[in-house]
Amino acid sequence: MRRVLLAVYLIALGFAGAPQATAIEPGRAVCEGYCVVVGGGCYVFLSLFMGKEKCDSMYKGCVEGCVAGLVESRMERE
């Protein structure tokens, strides 16, 4: 039950935090929202087998990779 509540909390946090992140860096909010959903799924389903630390590092890697992809695509357009 706690894992489901944690996942719902992370998803809600991703959607609530989107407007502030958009003002800081366009596109980052989309990355964070996607990675919160993926990270929430990891906490609910996979943390029993892999551990919480793996889900934390997966979330951080997801955000960094997504933002790097956005920066690279912007540079290609310019």
C-alpha atoms as a PDB file:
ATOM      1  CA  MET A   1       0.000   0.000   0.000  1.00  0.00           C
ATOM      2  CA  ARG A   2       2.844   2.383   0.788  1.00  0.00           C
ATOM      3  CA  ARG A   3       4.371   1.828  -2.645  1.00  0.00           C
ATOM      4  CA  VAL A   4       1.126   2.730  -4.388  1.00  0.00           C
ATOM      5  CA  LEU A   5       0.827   5.901  -2.308  1.00  0.00           C
ATOM      6  CA  LEU A   6       4.436   6.775  -3.116  1.00  0.00           C
ATOM      7  CA  ALA A   7       3.815   6.296  -6.832  1.00  0.00           C
ATOM      8  CA  VAL A   8       0.676   8.446  -6.738  1.00  0.00           C
ATOM      9  CA  TYR A   9       2.555  11.094  -4.793  1.00  0.00           C
ATOM     10  CA  LEU A  10       5.424  11.153  -7.302  1.00  0.00           C
ATOM     11  CA  ILE A  11       3.048  11.395 -10.242  1.00  0.00           C
ATOM     12  CA  ALA A  12       1.115  14.234  -8.594  1.00  0.00           C
ATOM     13  CA  LEU A  13       4.372  15.980  -7.772  1.00  0.00           C
ATOM     14  CA  GLY A  14       5.450  15.728 -11.400  1.00  0.00           C
ATOM     15  CA  PHE A  15       2.262  17.320 -12.640  1.00  0.00           C
ATOM     16  CA  ALA A  16       2.205  19.989  -9.917  1.00  0.00           C
ATOM     17  CA  GLY A  17       5.841  20.930 -10.501  1.00  0.00           C
ATOM     18  CA  ALA A  18       5.574  21.302 -14.265  1.00  0.00           C
ATOM     19  CA  PRO A  19       4.757  25.052 -14.521  1.00  0.00           C
ATOM     20  CA  GLN A  20       7.754  26.129 -12.416  1.00  0.00           C
ATOM     21  CA  ALA A  21      10.135  23.872 -14.321  1.00  0.00           C
ATOM     22  CA  THR A  22       8.850  25.212 -17.649  1.00  0.00           C
ATOM     23  CA  ALA A  23       9.742  28.754 -16.594  1.00  0.00           C
ATOM     24  CA  ILE A  24      13.284  27.658 -15.752  1.00  0.00           C
ATOM     25  CA  GLU A  25      14.036  25.564 -18.827  1.00  0.00           C
ATOM     26  CA  PRO A  26      11.534  24.793 -21.609  1.00  0.00           C
ATOM     27  CA  GLY A  27      11.040  21.096 -22.166  1.00  0.00           C
ATOM     28  CA  ARG A  28      12.467  20.025 -18.810  1.00  0.00           C
ATOM     29  CA  ALA A  29       8.965  19.745 -17.348  1.00  0.00           C
ATOM     30  CA  VAL A  30       8.049  17.175 -19.978  1.00  0.00           C
ATOM     31  CA  CYS A  31      11.153  15.164 -19.115  1.00  0.00           C
ATOM     32  CA  GLU A  32      10.491  15.328 -15.405  1.00  0.00           C
ATOM     33  CA  GLY A  33       6.846  14.358 -15.835  1.00  0.00           C
ATOM     34  CA  TYR A  34       7.770  11.344 -17.939  1.00  0.00           C
ATOM     35  CA  CYS A  35      10.543  10.279 -15.590  1.00  0.00           C
ATOM     36  CA  VAL A  36       8.312  10.641 -12.516  1.00  0.00           C
ATOM     37  CA  VAL A  37       5.835   8.211 -14.071  1.00  0.00           C
ATOM     38  CA  VAL A  38       8.620   5.779 -14.985  1.00  0.00           C
ATOM     39  CA  GLY A  39      10.233   6.157 -11.559  1.00  0.00           C
ATOM     40  CA  GLY A  40       6.905   5.635  -9.820  1.00  0.00           C
ATOM     41  CA  GLY A  41       6.404   2.418 -11.732  1.00  0.00           C
ATOM     42  CA  CYS A  42       9.885   1.304 -10.730  1.00  0.00           C
ATOM     43  CA  TYR A  43       9.179   2.001  -7.056  1.00  0.00           C
ATOM     44  CA  VAL A  44       5.910   0.088  -7.163  1.00  0.00           C
ATOM     45  CA  PHE A  45       6.890  -2.941  -9.225  1.00  0.00           C
ATOM     46  CA  LEU A  46      10.658  -3.340  -9.388  1.00  0.00           C
ATOM     47  CA  SER A  47      12.026  -1.999  -6.093  1.00  0.00           C
ATOM     48  CA  LEU A  48      11.210  -5.316  -4.410  1.00  0.00           C
ATOM     49  CA  PHE A  49      13.730  -7.051  -6.662  1.00  0.00           C
ATOM     50  CA  MET A  50      16.258  -4.341  -7.510  1.00  0.00           C
ATOM     51  CA  GLY A  51      16.171  -2.062  -4.483  1.00  0.00           C
ATOM     52  CA  LYS A  52      15.198   1.553  -3.997  1.00  0.00           C
ATOM     53  CA  GLU A  53      18.663   2.829  -4.907  1.00  0.00           C
ATOM     54  CA  LYS A  54      18.382   1.453  -8.452  1.00  0.00           C
ATOM     55  CA  CYS A  55      15.057   3.277  -8.935  1.00  0.00           C
ATOM     56  CA  ASP A  56      16.615   6.509  -7.660  1.00  0.00           C
ATOM     57  CA  SER A  57      19.519   6.238 -10.079  1.00  0.00           C
ATOM     58  CA  MET A  58      17.164   5.270 -12.918  1.00  0.00           C
ATOM     59  CA  TYR A  59      15.096   8.435 -12.310  1.00  0.00           C
ATOM     60  CA  LYS A  60      18.183  10.670 -12.257  1.00  0.00           C
ATOM     61  CA  GLY A  61      19.549   9.052 -15.397  1.00  0.00           C
ATOM     62  CA  CYS A  62      16.186   9.393 -17.124  1.00  0.00           C
ATOM     63  CA  VAL A  63      15.999  13.132 -16.432  1.00  0.00           C
ATOM     64  CA  GLU A  64      19.622  13.767 -17.415  1.00  0.00           C
ATOM     65  CA  GLY A  65      19.297  11.752 -20.614  1.00  0.00           C
ATOM     66  CA  CYS A  66      16.032  13.377 -21.616  1.00  0.00           C
ATOM     67  CA  VAL A  67      17.340  16.902 -21.005  1.00  0.00           C
ATOM     68  CA  ALA A  68      20.551  16.093 -22.897  1.00  0.00           C
ATOM     69  CA  GLY A  69      18.453  14.861 -25.817  1.00  0.00           C
ATOM     70  CA  LEU A  70      16.440  18.082 -25.814  1.00  0.00           C
ATOM     71  CA  VAL A  71      19.588  20.219 -25.770  1.00  0.00           C
ATOM     72  CA  GLU A  72      21.085  18.192 -28.610  1.00  0.00           C
ATOM     73  CA  SER A  73      17.940  18.477 -30.728  1.00  0.00           C
ATOM     74  CA  ARG A  74      17.864  22.260 -30.166  1.00  0.00           C
ATOM     75  CA  MET A  75      21.494  22.545 -31.239  1.00  0.00           C
ATOM     76  CA  GLU A  76      20.792  20.586 -34.422  1.00  0.00           C
ATOM     77  CA  ARG A  77      17.947  22.956 -35.325  1.00  0.00           C
ATOM     78  CA  GLU A  78      20.146  26.045 -34.914  1.00  0.00           C
END
